[in-house]
C-alpha cells in the first residue's frame, strides 16, 4: 500500500507537526518534464493541483512543488487561531455498487484503519483550521 503524504491514521496536529509522509518526504528520483502543460499561458509540470485541505504548512507546499504539482493552494489563514475538527478528519466513503453517481447516498466509515489509499474514495472535514497569524 502506498503511504499518503497526509496520514489519515494521525490527527491533524500530528500531520502538521511531523508531515509530510510517504514519497513526498524525498525529492523525485527522476527529473520531471517541466512545462509540458499550460494554463493561461503559464507552464505546468502536472495538469492538476492539490487543494488546500492536505497542504498544512510550507513543508507540504514545498513537497508538492518538488513533485511537480504547480497548482497548489495553501491552507486558509485567519485573523485568529482556530482549531481543526476532532479526529478523524479523513474518512472512507462506502458505496453500494463500487461506484458513485450524482444523487447517490454515500456512507462515511469512521474506521480509518480500513482506508486503502490505492483504492478507496475518501472525504474530509478539517473545519478550516488556522494557526496564529505569526505562524
Foldseek 3Di string as FASTA:
>chain_A
DFQALQHLVDAPVCSLVPTRDGPLVDADPDDFDWQPDDDPPHGFRDPAAAEQPNQADPSSVVSRVSHGRPDYDHADADQAFDFWDDPRFKWFWDDDPLDDDPPGDIDTDRPSVPDDPVRTDMDGGGPRGHHHPVD
